[in-house]
Amino acid sequence: MRSAAITFPLIPWNTCGIVMVGMLAVSAAEYLPYAFMCWTPPIMVTLFAYLNIRMKRLTPKKQKARLAESTE
């Protein structure tokens, strides 16, 4: 999963989680509801994968045409 790095503060035995717990003086469970930016990406990645939402791939010919349009 590509969104794992942002979830590190939610893992209390991780170094990032230890720093967060030490700086905030609360347990990971107490700041979990306020850390929505940490748990939103894994949910979105899973949802996008389930719904097959992805970026449209352009052929090399279309890429060159788009690049030519943007430089004009």
Protein backbone atom coordinates (compact mmCIF):
# COMPACT_ATOMS: atom_id res chain seq x y z
CA MET A 1 0.00 0.00 0.00
CA ARG A 2 1.49 3.34 -1.01
CA SER A 3 -0.06 5.33 1.81
CA ALA A 4 1.68 3.50 4.65
CA ALA A 5 4.22 6.25 5.41
CA ILE A 6 1.56 8.69 6.59
CA THR A 7 0.13 6.13 9.04
CA PHE A 8 3.36 5.81 11.03
CA PRO A 9 2.29 8.25 13.79
CA LEU A 10 -0.67 5.98 14.52
CA ILE A 11 1.60 3.07 15.47
CA PRO A 12 2.65 3.71 19.08
CA TRP A 13 5.72 1.40 19.05
CA ASN A 14 7.13 3.11 15.95
CA THR A 15 9.72 5.90 16.44
CA CYS A 16 7.36 8.41 14.85
CA GLY A 17 4.54 7.31 17.15
CA ILE A 18 6.85 7.55 20.17
CA VAL A 19 7.75 11.13 19.25
CA MET A 20 4.08 12.05 18.77
CA VAL A 21 3.12 10.49 22.10
CA GLY A 22 6.06 12.19 23.83
CA MET A 23 5.35 15.63 22.35
CA LEU A 24 1.60 15.53 22.91
CA ALA A 25 1.74 13.61 26.22
CA VAL A 26 -1.26 11.51 25.17
CA SER A 27 -1.60 7.91 24.01
CA ALA A 28 -1.94 7.06 20.33
CA ALA A 29 -5.56 6.06 20.93
CA GLU A 30 -6.33 9.52 22.33
CA TYR A 31 -5.01 11.46 19.33
CA LEU A 32 -6.27 8.93 16.76
CA PRO A 33 -9.61 10.74 16.13
CA TYR A 34 -7.76 14.02 15.47
CA ALA A 35 -5.23 12.50 13.09
CA PHE A 36 -7.63 12.23 10.15
CA MET A 37 -4.83 13.00 7.68
CA CYS A 38 -3.15 9.79 8.85
CA TRP A 39 -6.08 7.44 8.37
CA THR A 40 -7.70 9.03 5.30
CA PRO A 41 -5.10 7.91 2.67
CA PRO A 42 -5.32 4.17 3.38
CA ILE A 43 -9.11 4.38 3.15
CA MET A 44 -8.94 6.34 -0.11
CA VAL A 45 -6.34 4.02 -1.65
CA THR A 46 -8.48 1.00 -0.80
CA LEU A 47 -11.62 2.70 -2.13
CA PHE A 48 -9.94 3.76 -5.38
CA ALA A 49 -8.54 0.25 -5.89
CA TYR A 50 -11.93 -1.34 -5.23
CA LEU A 51 -13.69 1.07 -7.62
CA ASN A 52 -10.88 0.75 -10.21
CA ILE A 53 -10.29 4.51 -10.28
CA ARG A 54 -6.95 5.35 -11.84
CA MET A 55 -5.11 7.87 -13.93
CA LYS A 56 -5.68 7.74 -17.65
CA ARG A 57 -2.62 6.63 -19.58
CA LEU A 58 -1.80 8.52 -22.73
CA THR A 59 -0.12 7.01 -25.74
CA PRO A 60 3.26 8.50 -26.64
CA LYS A 61 1.61 10.24 -29.61
CA LYS A 62 -1.00 11.91 -27.36
CA GLN A 63 1.71 12.83 -24.84
CA LYS A 64 3.66 14.69 -27.52
CA ALA A 65 0.49 16.45 -28.69
CA ARG A 66 -0.38 17.57 -25.14
CA LEU A 67 3.17 18.74 -24.57
CA ALA A 68 3.09 20.73 -27.82
CA GLU A 69 -0.22 22.32 -26.77
CA SER A 70 1.10 23.38 -23.39
CA THR A 71 4.24 25.02 -24.78
CA GLU A 72 2.33 27.14 -27.30
